[in-house]
Structures are given as C-alpha cells and as structure tokens.
C-alpha atoms as a PDB file:
ATOM      1  CA  UNK A   1      -4.203  42.549 -15.388  1.00  0.00           C
ATOM      2  CA  UNK A   2      -6.886  43.474 -17.945  1.00  0.00           C
ATOM      3  CA  UNK A   3      -9.440  46.119 -17.034  1.00  0.00           C
ATOM      4  CA  UNK A   4     -12.161  43.847 -18.416  1.00  0.00           C
ATOM      5  CA  UNK A   5     -12.350  41.755 -15.246  1.00  0.00           C
ATOM      6  CA  UNK A   6     -15.903  40.861 -14.409  1.00  0.00           C
ATOM      7  CA  UNK A   7     -17.273  41.774 -10.974  1.00  0.00           C
ATOM      8  CA  UNK A   8     -17.353  38.053 -10.149  1.00  0.00           C
ATOM      9  CA  UNK A   9     -13.673  37.651 -11.054  1.00  0.00           C
ATOM     10  CA  UNK A  10     -12.730  40.682  -8.964  1.00  0.00           C
ATOM     11  CA  UNK A  11     -14.722  39.351  -6.026  1.00  0.00           C
ATOM     12  CA  UNK A  12     -13.000  35.970  -6.357  1.00  0.00           C
ATOM     13  CA  UNK A  13      -9.518  37.529  -6.311  1.00  0.00           C
ATOM     14  CA  UNK A  14     -10.448  39.531  -3.212  1.00  0.00           C
ATOM     15  CA  UNK A  15     -11.865  36.455  -1.476  1.00  0.00           C
ATOM     16  CA  UNK A  16      -8.795  34.372  -2.387  1.00  0.00           C
ATOM     17  CA  UNK A  17      -6.522  36.945  -0.727  1.00  0.00           C
ATOM     18  CA  UNK A  18      -8.827  37.140   2.290  1.00  0.00           C
ATOM     19  CA  UNK A  19      -9.226  33.387   2.777  1.00  0.00           C
ATOM     20  CA  UNK A  20      -5.567  32.549   2.050  1.00  0.00           C
ATOM     21  CA  UNK A  21      -3.421  35.640   2.575  1.00  0.00           C
ATOM     22  CA  UNK A  22       0.184  34.866   1.720  1.00  0.00           C
ATOM     23  CA  UNK A  23       1.633  37.783   3.693  1.00  0.00           C
ATOM     24  CA  UNK A  24      -0.481  37.709   6.867  1.00  0.00           C
ATOM     25  CA  UNK A  25       1.499  36.241   9.738  1.00  0.00           C
ATOM     26  CA  UNK A  26       3.149  37.167  12.989  1.00  0.00           C
ATOM     27  CA  UNK A  27       6.824  38.074  12.902  1.00  0.00           C
ATOM     28  CA  UNK A  28       9.310  35.366  13.737  1.00  0.00           C
ATOM     29  CA  UNK A  29      12.056  37.907  14.341  1.00  0.00           C
ATOM     30  CA  UNK A  30      11.222  41.546  13.831  1.00  0.00           C
ATOM     31  CA  UNK A  31      14.561  43.109  14.696  1.00  0.00           C
ATOM     32  CA  UNK A  32      15.187  44.044  11.048  1.00  0.00           C
ATOM     33  CA  UNK A  33      11.631  45.153  10.350  1.00  0.00           C
ATOM     34  CA  UNK A  34      10.159  48.593  10.648  1.00  0.00           C
ATOM     35  CA  UNK A  35       6.645  48.358  12.014  1.00  0.00           C
ATOM     36  CA  UNK A  36       3.643  50.602  12.095  1.00  0.00           C
ATOM     37  CA  UNK A  37       0.214  49.987  13.589  1.00  0.00           C
ATOM     38  CA  UNK A  38      -2.828  51.126  11.656  1.00  0.00           C
ATOM     39  CA  UNK A  39      -6.427  51.004  12.781  1.00  0.00           C
ATOM     40  CA  UNK A  40      -9.789  52.275  11.718  1.00  0.00           C
ATOM     41  CA  UNK A  41     -12.510  53.786  13.869  1.00  0.00           C
ATOM     42  CA  UNK A  42     -15.134  52.767  11.308  1.00  0.00           C
ATOM     43  CA  UNK A  43     -14.158  49.110  10.891  1.00  0.00           C
ATOM     44  CA  UNK A  44     -12.549  46.243  12.821  1.00  0.00           C
ATOM     45  CA  UNK A  45      -9.191  46.915  11.168  1.00  0.00           C
ATOM     46  CA  UNK A  46      -6.239  46.957  13.544  1.00  0.00           C
ATOM     47  CA  UNK A  47      -3.103  45.738  11.800  1.00  0.00           C
ATOM     48  CA  UNK A  48       0.642  45.925  12.182  1.00  0.00           C
ATOM     49  CA  UNK A  49       2.563  46.267   8.937  1.00  0.00           C
ATOM     50  CA  UNK A  50       6.196  45.126   8.924  1.00  0.00           C
ATOM     51  CA  UNK A  51       8.719  46.133   6.270  1.00  0.00           C
ATOM     52  CA  UNK A  52      12.349  45.130   5.858  1.00  0.00           C
ATOM     53  CA  UNK A  53      14.448  47.313   3.591  1.00  0.00           C
ATOM     54  CA  UNK A  54      17.861  46.166   2.454  1.00  0.00           C
ATOM     55  CA  UNK A  55      20.171  47.643  -0.178  1.00  0.00           C
ATOM     56  CA  UNK A  56      17.592  50.306  -1.030  1.00  0.00           C
ATOM     57  CA  UNK A  57      14.811  47.822  -1.792  1.00  0.00           C
ATOM     58  CA  UNK A  58      11.876  46.325   0.039  1.00  0.00           C
ATOM     59  CA  UNK A  59      13.265  42.921   0.945  1.00  0.00           C
ATOM     60  CA  UNK A  60      10.202  41.663   2.811  1.00  0.00           C
ATOM     61  CA  UNK A  61       6.874  42.856   4.106  1.00  0.00           C
ATOM     62  CA  UNK A  62       3.921  41.320   5.861  1.00  0.00           C
ATOM     63  CA  UNK A  63       1.127  42.225   8.218  1.00  0.00           C
ATOM     64  CA  UNK A  64      -0.708  40.809  11.186  1.00  0.00           C
ATOM     65  CA  UNK A  65      -3.758  41.633  13.232  1.00  0.00           C
ATOM     66  CA  UNK A  66      -7.498  41.826  12.733  1.00  0.00           C
ATOM     67  CA  UNK A  67      -8.862  43.139   9.467  1.00  0.00           C
ATOM     68  CA  UNK A  68     -11.980  42.985   7.332  1.00  0.00           C
ATOM     69  CA  UNK A  69     -12.069  41.303   3.930  1.00  0.00           C
ATOM     70  CA  UNK A  70     -11.136  44.423   1.970  1.00  0.00           C
ATOM     71  CA  UNK A  71      -8.261  45.413   4.292  1.00  0.00           C
ATOM     72  CA  UNK A  72      -6.838  41.906   4.394  1.00  0.00           C
ATOM     73  CA  UNK A  73      -7.020  41.396   0.633  1.00  0.00           C
ATOM     74  CA  UNK A  74      -5.699  44.836  -0.315  1.00  0.00           C
ATOM     75  CA  UNK A  75      -2.806  44.646   2.170  1.00  0.00           C
ATOM     76  CA  UNK A  76      -1.914  41.134   1.030  1.00  0.00           C
ATOM     77  CA  UNK A  77      -1.848  42.259  -2.599  1.00  0.00           C
ATOM     78  CA  UNK A  78       0.131  45.364  -1.625  1.00  0.00           C
ATOM     79  CA  UNK A  79       2.792  43.226   0.071  1.00  0.00           C
ATOM     80  CA  UNK A  80       3.184  41.085  -3.044  1.00  0.00           C
ATOM     81  CA  UNK A  81       3.666  44.206  -5.159  1.00  0.00           C
ATOM     82  CA  UNK A  82       6.218  45.856  -2.858  1.00  0.00           C
ATOM     83  CA  UNK A  83       8.784  43.087  -2.419  1.00  0.00           C
ATOM     84  CA  UNK A  84      11.854  43.776  -4.528  1.00  0.00           C
ATOM     85  CA  UNK A  85      10.901  47.380  -5.270  1.00  0.00           C
ATOM     86  CA  UNK A  86      13.081  50.422  -4.669  1.00  0.00           C
ATOM     87  CA  UNK A  87      11.718  53.398  -2.744  1.00  0.00           C
ATOM     88  CA  UNK A  88      10.860  55.196  -5.995  1.00  0.00           C
ATOM     89  CA  UNK A  89       9.181  52.144  -7.555  1.00  0.00           C
ATOM     90  CA  UNK A  90       7.178  51.409  -4.411  1.00  0.00           C
ATOM     91  CA  UNK A  91       6.074  55.030  -4.061  1.00  0.00           C
ATOM     92  CA  UNK A  92       4.949  55.123  -7.694  1.00  0.00           C
ATOM     93  CA  UNK A  93       2.849  51.976  -7.266  1.00  0.00           C
ATOM     94  CA  UNK A  94       1.299  53.371  -4.077  1.00  0.00           C
ATOM     95  CA  UNK A  95       0.576  56.693  -5.784  1.00  0.00           C
ATOM     96  CA  UNK A  96      -1.083  54.986  -8.746  1.00  0.00           C
ATOM     97  CA  UNK A  97      -3.165  52.794  -6.416  1.00  0.00           C
ATOM     98  CA  UNK A  98      -4.361  55.813  -4.425  1.00  0.00           C
ATOM     99  CA  UNK A  99      -5.197  57.656  -7.647  1.00  0.00           C
ATOM    100  CA  UNK A 100      -7.307  54.675  -8.703  1.00  0.00           C
ATOM    101  CA  UNK A 101      -9.090  54.550  -5.339  1.00  0.00           C
ATOM    102  CA  UNK A 102      -9.877  58.276  -5.566  1.00  0.00           C
ATOM    103  CA  UNK A 103     -11.081  58.034  -9.188  1.00  0.00           C
ATOM    104  CA  UNK A 104      -8.182  59.971 -10.670  1.00  0.00           C
ATOM    105  CA  UNK A 105      -6.370  58.932 -13.859  1.00  0.00           C
ATOM    106  CA  UNK A 106      -3.876  56.154 -13.055  1.00  0.00           C
ATOM    107  CA  UNK A 107      -1.521  53.696 -14.715  1.00  0.00           C
ATOM    108  CA  UNK A 108      -3.191  50.298 -14.338  1.00  0.00           C
ATOM    109  CA  UNK A 109      -0.130  48.497 -15.703  1.00  0.00           C
ATOM    110  CA  UNK A 110       1.618  48.995 -12.340  1.00  0.00           C
ATOM    111  CA  UNK A 111      -1.173  47.594 -10.176  1.00  0.00           C
ATOM    112  CA  UNK A 112      -1.461  43.927 -11.139  1.00  0.00           C
ATOM    113  CA  UNK A 113      -4.141  42.329  -8.900  1.00  0.00           C
ATOM    114  CA  UNK A 114      -4.673  45.590  -6.984  1.00  0.00           C
ATOM    115  CA  UNK A 115      -6.802  46.641  -9.942  1.00  0.00           C
ATOM    116  CA  UNK A 116      -9.653  44.645  -8.355  1.00  0.00           C
ATOM    117  CA  UNK A 117     -10.225  47.598  -5.999  1.00  0.00           C
ATOM    118  CA  UNK A 118     -11.004  49.989  -8.869  1.00  0.00           C
ATOM    119  CA  UNK A 119     -14.643  50.365  -7.776  1.00  0.00           C
ATOM    120  CA  UNK A 120     -13.925  50.985  -4.106  1.00  0.00           C
ATOM    121  CA  UNK A 121     -14.776  54.689  -4.327  1.00  0.00           C
ATOM    122  CA  UNK A 122     -18.382  53.737  -5.060  1.00  0.00           C
ATOM    123  CA  UNK A 123     -18.551  52.548  -1.431  1.00  0.00           C
ATOM    124  CA  UNK A 124     -17.001  55.468   0.440  1.00  0.00           C
ATOM    125  CA  UNK A 125     -16.990  53.585   3.749  1.00  0.00           C
ATOM    126  CA  UNK A 126     -14.619  51.004   2.219  1.00  0.00           C
ATOM    127  CA  UNK A 127     -11.940  53.480   1.081  1.00  0.00           C
ATOM    128  CA  UNK A 128     -10.206  53.396   4.486  1.00  0.00           C
ATOM    129  CA  UNK A 129     -10.319  49.584   4.401  1.00  0.00           C
ATOM    130  CA  UNK A 130      -8.769  49.461   0.930  1.00  0.00           C
ATOM    131  CA  UNK A 131      -6.001  51.930   1.791  1.00  0.00           C
ATOM    132  CA  UNK A 132      -5.009  51.120   5.377  1.00  0.00           C
ATOM    133  CA  UNK A 133      -2.105  48.815   4.468  1.00  0.00           C
ATOM    134  CA  UNK A 134      -1.020  51.082   1.617  1.00  0.00           C
ATOM    135  CA  UNK A 135      -0.997  54.089   3.963  1.00  0.00           C
ATOM    136  CA  UNK A 136       1.157  52.098   6.392  1.00  0.00           C
ATOM    137  CA  UNK A 137       3.657  51.214   3.658  1.00  0.00           C
ATOM    138  CA  UNK A 138       3.729  54.838   2.528  1.00  0.00           C
ATOM    139  CA  UNK A 139       4.471  56.024   6.066  1.00  0.00           C
ATOM    140  CA  UNK A 140       7.176  53.419   6.653  1.00  0.00           C
ATOM    141  CA  UNK A 141       8.918  54.265   3.379  1.00  0.00           C
ATOM    142  CA  UNK A 142       8.750  58.000   4.055  1.00  0.00           C
ATOM    143  CA  UNK A 143      10.040  57.524   7.603  1.00  0.00           C
ATOM    144  CA  UNK A 144      12.820  55.217   6.373  1.00  0.00           C
ATOM    145  CA  UNK A 145      13.940  57.626   3.673  1.00  0.00           C
ATOM    146  CA  UNK A 146      13.319  60.824   5.638  1.00  0.00           C
ATOM    147  CA  UNK A 147      10.676  62.208   3.300  1.00  0.00           C
END
C-alpha cells in the first residue's frame, strides 16, 4: 500500500472496515480457538479476540464485542493480515505495526491496509484503540508458543 494515501482515502478504508468488518462475529464453535478479552478504561472497547493455530500457522482469527471505529477497523485489518502467517511472520508484522504507531522506523511493506493508522500517534488517546486487537494477538501468540 503506497505511503501517498490521502487522508480521505485512509479515512475511507477505516470506515469500510468499521461499517463492514469481515472478521467481527461471534464464534460458532470455539473449542479450537484461544481467546483473550481486551478492554480499555478510556474507550468503549471490550472485545474478545479468537485465534486458531494449526500446523504452526494462524489458521483463523476473529473478534467480537463492542469497539469504537478505530479498534474495530484496526482489529479487522489485523485479522486479515494474520491468517496464514507463522508465529515469526505474525510477530514481525505486529512489531512493525507497533513501531509505526509509536513513530519509530518501520517496514511499511508488511502492513498492507494497516498503514492507514500511521498518524494515530498524533492523537495519543487513540493509540490504545489502534493497538488493542494487536496486543491481544501478541499475547495469544506468546502464550501459545511459551514466549
């Protein structure tokens, strides 16, 4: 995704993922999913993130609950990026995303649509919203792989 996205284009991508999140749904059968609940004291965010790992890769992930626009969109995008990734690949994407959020040098080529959150640090109150799903994925992967 090119870094030359206009603010209007970035806003549209965020709104598309908020209005029509592909990965936001309740579990049909969560016996194979690892789950973690994440919430925020400063926002309405209270989500459950579900991850299924099979053969060393993220086979499926989704989330459910109540979340603001930024949390919903960033978690939806995160889910799309994680499916099919190994632990190492997923951790690298998460690390690059968090570097971007915290205004550190990062590899934008790994972030695809997540690049739309590049200006989040300019609104400090939104950092938790933009990272809540990513933090959940990070915790699930670390717990799963004993890190």
